[in-house]
């Protein structure tokens, strides 16, 4: 597929039309109706699978955010 002459938005729309699975990420603070309306605006075909993911990362206070730890052992110099 030749996409070189297309701008960023056009390339994104072309890739959306070609996708078999589309991941739609929405803010959890939006209403269900607004999220569904935005998802429907994508105009997916019956052959495409759409997945809606609700992002709630900003709703967790910093003190309650899960801690991440490295699985690699600490290195020592010497």
N, C-alpha and C. Protein backbone atom coordinates (compact mmCIF):
# COMPACT_ATOMS: atom_id res chain seq x y z
N UNK A 1 0.84 -1.18 0.00
CA UNK A 1 0.00 0.00 0.00
C UNK A 1 0.89 1.24 0.00
N UNK A 2 0.59 2.17 -0.87
CA UNK A 2 1.37 3.39 -1.01
C UNK A 2 0.76 4.49 -0.15
N UNK A 3 1.46 4.95 0.88
CA UNK A 3 0.95 5.99 1.77
C UNK A 3 1.86 7.20 1.84
N UNK A 4 2.94 7.22 1.05
CA UNK A 4 3.94 8.26 1.18
C UNK A 4 3.38 9.66 0.97
N UNK A 5 2.48 9.85 0.02
CA UNK A 5 1.95 11.18 -0.27
C UNK A 5 0.87 11.65 0.67
N UNK A 6 0.44 10.80 1.58
CA UNK A 6 -0.63 11.17 2.49
C UNK A 6 -0.09 11.86 3.73
N UNK A 7 -0.90 12.77 4.30
CA UNK A 7 -0.55 13.41 5.56
C UNK A 7 -0.84 12.48 6.72
N UNK A 8 -0.49 12.91 7.92
CA UNK A 8 -0.65 12.07 9.11
C UNK A 8 -2.07 11.62 9.37
N UNK A 9 -3.04 12.52 9.25
CA UNK A 9 -4.43 12.16 9.51
C UNK A 9 -4.93 11.19 8.45
N UNK A 10 -4.59 11.44 7.21
CA UNK A 10 -5.02 10.55 6.13
C UNK A 10 -4.42 9.17 6.29
N UNK A 11 -3.13 9.10 6.68
CA UNK A 11 -2.48 7.81 6.91
C UNK A 11 -3.18 7.06 8.04
N UNK A 12 -3.54 7.79 9.10
CA UNK A 12 -4.23 7.16 10.23
C UNK A 12 -5.58 6.61 9.80
N UNK A 13 -6.31 7.38 9.02
CA UNK A 13 -7.62 6.91 8.55
C UNK A 13 -7.47 5.70 7.64
N UNK A 14 -6.44 5.68 6.81
CA UNK A 14 -6.19 4.54 5.93
C UNK A 14 -5.86 3.30 6.76
N UNK A 15 -5.01 3.46 7.76
CA UNK A 15 -4.65 2.34 8.63
C UNK A 15 -5.86 1.84 9.40
N UNK A 16 -6.74 2.76 9.80
CA UNK A 16 -7.97 2.37 10.50
C UNK A 16 -8.85 1.52 9.60
N UNK A 17 -8.96 1.89 8.34
CA UNK A 17 -9.77 1.12 7.39
C UNK A 17 -9.19 -0.27 7.14
N UNK A 18 -7.87 -0.41 7.25
CA UNK A 18 -7.19 -1.68 6.99
C UNK A 18 -7.14 -2.60 8.22
N UNK A 19 -7.37 -2.05 9.39
CA UNK A 19 -7.19 -2.82 10.63
C UNK A 19 -8.26 -3.89 10.81
N UNK A 20 -7.85 -5.04 11.31
CA UNK A 20 -8.80 -6.09 11.66
C UNK A 20 -9.35 -5.87 13.07
N UNK A 21 -8.48 -5.38 13.96
CA UNK A 21 -8.87 -5.10 15.35
C UNK A 21 -8.54 -3.65 15.64
N UNK A 22 -9.50 -2.91 16.20
CA UNK A 22 -9.31 -1.50 16.54
C UNK A 22 -9.47 -1.35 18.04
N UNK A 23 -8.45 -0.80 18.70
CA UNK A 23 -8.49 -0.53 20.13
C UNK A 23 -8.82 0.94 20.32
N UNK A 24 -9.95 1.21 20.96
CA UNK A 24 -10.42 2.57 21.20
C UNK A 24 -10.28 2.86 22.69
N UNK A 25 -9.42 3.81 23.03
CA UNK A 25 -9.17 4.15 24.43
C UNK A 25 -9.90 5.45 24.74
N UNK A 26 -10.73 5.40 25.80
CA UNK A 26 -11.52 6.56 26.18
C UNK A 26 -11.32 6.87 27.66
N UNK A 27 -11.51 8.12 28.01
CA UNK A 27 -11.40 8.57 29.39
C UNK A 27 -12.62 8.09 30.17
N UNK A 28 -12.40 7.51 31.33
CA UNK A 28 -13.50 6.97 32.14
C UNK A 28 -14.44 8.07 32.63
N UNK A 29 -13.99 9.32 32.61
CA UNK A 29 -14.83 10.42 33.08
C UNK A 29 -15.90 10.81 32.06
N UNK A 30 -15.79 10.35 30.83
CA UNK A 30 -16.81 10.64 29.82
C UNK A 30 -18.04 9.78 30.08
N UNK A 31 -19.18 10.27 29.65
CA UNK A 31 -20.40 9.47 29.81
C UNK A 31 -20.35 8.28 28.85
N UNK A 32 -21.11 7.26 29.17
CA UNK A 32 -21.20 6.08 28.32
C UNK A 32 -21.69 6.48 26.94
N UNK A 33 -22.68 7.35 26.90
CA UNK A 33 -23.25 7.78 25.62
C UNK A 33 -22.20 8.49 24.76
N UNK A 34 -21.38 9.34 25.38
CA UNK A 34 -20.33 10.06 24.64
C UNK A 34 -19.27 9.09 24.11
N UNK A 35 -18.88 8.14 24.94
CA UNK A 35 -17.88 7.14 24.52
C UNK A 35 -18.40 6.32 23.35
N UNK A 36 -19.64 5.86 23.44
CA UNK A 36 -20.23 5.06 22.37
C UNK A 36 -20.36 5.88 21.10
N UNK A 37 -20.76 7.15 21.22
CA UNK A 37 -20.88 8.01 20.04
C UNK A 37 -19.53 8.19 19.36
N UNK A 38 -18.48 8.43 20.14
CA UNK A 38 -17.14 8.59 19.56
C UNK A 38 -16.68 7.29 18.90
N UNK A 39 -16.96 6.16 19.54
CA UNK A 39 -16.59 4.86 18.98
C UNK A 39 -17.34 4.63 17.66
N UNK A 40 -18.62 4.94 17.64
CA UNK A 40 -19.41 4.76 16.42
C UNK A 40 -18.95 5.67 15.29
N UNK A 41 -18.37 6.83 15.64
CA UNK A 41 -17.84 7.74 14.63
C UNK A 41 -16.70 7.11 13.83
N UNK A 42 -16.08 6.06 14.37
CA UNK A 42 -15.00 5.38 13.65
C UNK A 42 -15.53 4.63 12.42
N UNK A 43 -16.82 4.33 12.43
CA UNK A 43 -17.48 3.65 11.31
C UNK A 43 -16.75 2.36 10.91
N UNK A 44 -16.59 1.49 11.89
CA UNK A 44 -15.95 0.20 11.62
C UNK A 44 -16.87 -0.65 10.75
N UNK A 45 -16.28 -1.53 9.98
CA UNK A 45 -17.06 -2.43 9.14
C UNK A 45 -17.45 -3.67 9.96
N UNK A 46 -18.35 -4.47 9.40
CA UNK A 46 -18.77 -5.68 10.11
C UNK A 46 -17.63 -6.69 10.22
N UNK A 47 -16.60 -6.56 9.41
CA UNK A 47 -15.45 -7.47 9.46
C UNK A 47 -14.39 -7.03 10.47
N UNK A 48 -14.53 -5.84 11.03
CA UNK A 48 -13.57 -5.34 12.00
C UNK A 48 -14.07 -5.59 13.42
N UNK A 49 -13.13 -5.86 14.30
CA UNK A 49 -13.46 -6.03 15.72
C UNK A 49 -13.03 -4.77 16.46
N UNK A 50 -13.95 -4.18 17.20
CA UNK A 50 -13.65 -2.99 18.00
C UNK A 50 -13.60 -3.33 19.47
N UNK A 51 -12.59 -2.80 20.16
CA UNK A 51 -12.44 -3.01 21.60
C UNK A 51 -12.38 -1.64 22.25
N UNK A 52 -13.24 -1.43 23.25
CA UNK A 52 -13.24 -0.16 23.98
C UNK A 52 -12.53 -0.38 25.31
N UNK A 53 -11.52 0.44 25.56
CA UNK A 53 -10.76 0.39 26.80
C UNK A 53 -10.98 1.70 27.54
N UNK A 54 -11.42 1.63 28.78
CA UNK A 54 -11.63 2.83 29.57
C UNK A 54 -10.39 3.10 30.41
N UNK A 55 -9.80 4.28 30.23
CA UNK A 55 -8.58 4.68 30.92
C UNK A 55 -8.96 5.35 32.24
N UNK A 56 -8.50 4.79 33.34
CA UNK A 56 -8.78 5.39 34.64
C UNK A 56 -7.49 5.72 35.40
N UNK A 57 -6.38 5.74 34.72
CA UNK A 57 -5.09 5.95 35.40
C UNK A 57 -5.05 7.26 36.16
N UNK A 58 -5.65 8.34 35.63
CA UNK A 58 -5.56 9.62 36.32
C UNK A 58 -6.52 9.71 37.49
N UNK A 59 -7.39 8.73 37.69
CA UNK A 59 -8.34 8.80 38.78
C UNK A 59 -7.78 8.23 40.08
N UNK A 60 -6.62 7.57 40.02
CA UNK A 60 -6.01 6.98 41.20
C UNK A 60 -5.06 8.01 41.82
N UNK A 61 -5.27 8.38 43.09
CA UNK A 61 -4.34 9.32 43.73
C UNK A 61 -2.92 8.75 43.73
N UNK A 62 -1.94 9.61 43.63
CA UNK A 62 -0.54 9.19 43.53
C UNK A 62 -0.14 8.28 44.68
N UNK A 63 -0.66 8.52 45.88
CA UNK A 63 -0.29 7.70 47.04
C UNK A 63 -0.80 6.27 46.91
N UNK A 64 -1.84 6.06 46.09
CA UNK A 64 -2.41 4.73 45.95
C UNK A 64 -1.95 4.02 44.69
N UNK A 65 -1.16 4.67 43.86
CA UNK A 65 -0.70 4.04 42.63
C UNK A 65 0.15 2.83 42.96
N UNK A 66 -0.01 1.76 42.17
CA UNK A 66 0.80 0.57 42.43
C UNK A 66 2.28 0.86 42.22
N UNK A 67 3.08 0.28 43.08
CA UNK A 67 4.54 0.43 42.96
C UNK A 67 5.05 -0.56 41.92
N UNK A 68 6.00 -0.13 41.11
CA UNK A 68 6.60 -1.04 40.15
C UNK A 68 8.02 -1.35 40.62
N UNK A 69 8.37 -2.58 40.49
CA UNK A 69 9.69 -3.02 40.92
C UNK A 69 10.38 -3.74 39.77
N UNK A 70 11.66 -3.58 39.69
CA UNK A 70 12.44 -4.26 38.67
C UNK A 70 12.59 -5.73 39.05
N UNK A 71 12.53 -6.57 38.03
CA UNK A 71 12.76 -7.99 38.28
C UNK A 71 14.23 -8.36 38.10
N UNK A 72 15.03 -7.38 37.78
CA UNK A 72 16.47 -7.63 37.60
C UNK A 72 17.19 -7.45 38.93
N UNK A 73 18.14 -8.33 39.23
CA UNK A 73 18.89 -8.18 40.48
C UNK A 73 19.74 -6.91 40.44
N UNK A 74 20.00 -6.32 41.59
CA UNK A 74 20.84 -5.11 41.60
C UNK A 74 22.26 -5.44 41.13
N UNK A 75 22.84 -4.49 40.46
CA UNK A 75 24.21 -4.68 39.98
C UNK A 75 25.19 -4.12 41.01
N UNK A 76 26.32 -4.74 41.09
CA UNK A 76 27.37 -4.25 42.00
C UNK A 76 28.60 -3.93 41.18
N UNK A 77 29.28 -2.91 41.58
CA UNK A 77 30.52 -2.57 40.87
C UNK A 77 31.69 -3.08 41.69
N UNK A 78 32.73 -3.42 41.01
CA UNK A 78 33.85 -3.81 41.81
C UNK A 78 34.77 -4.66 41.13
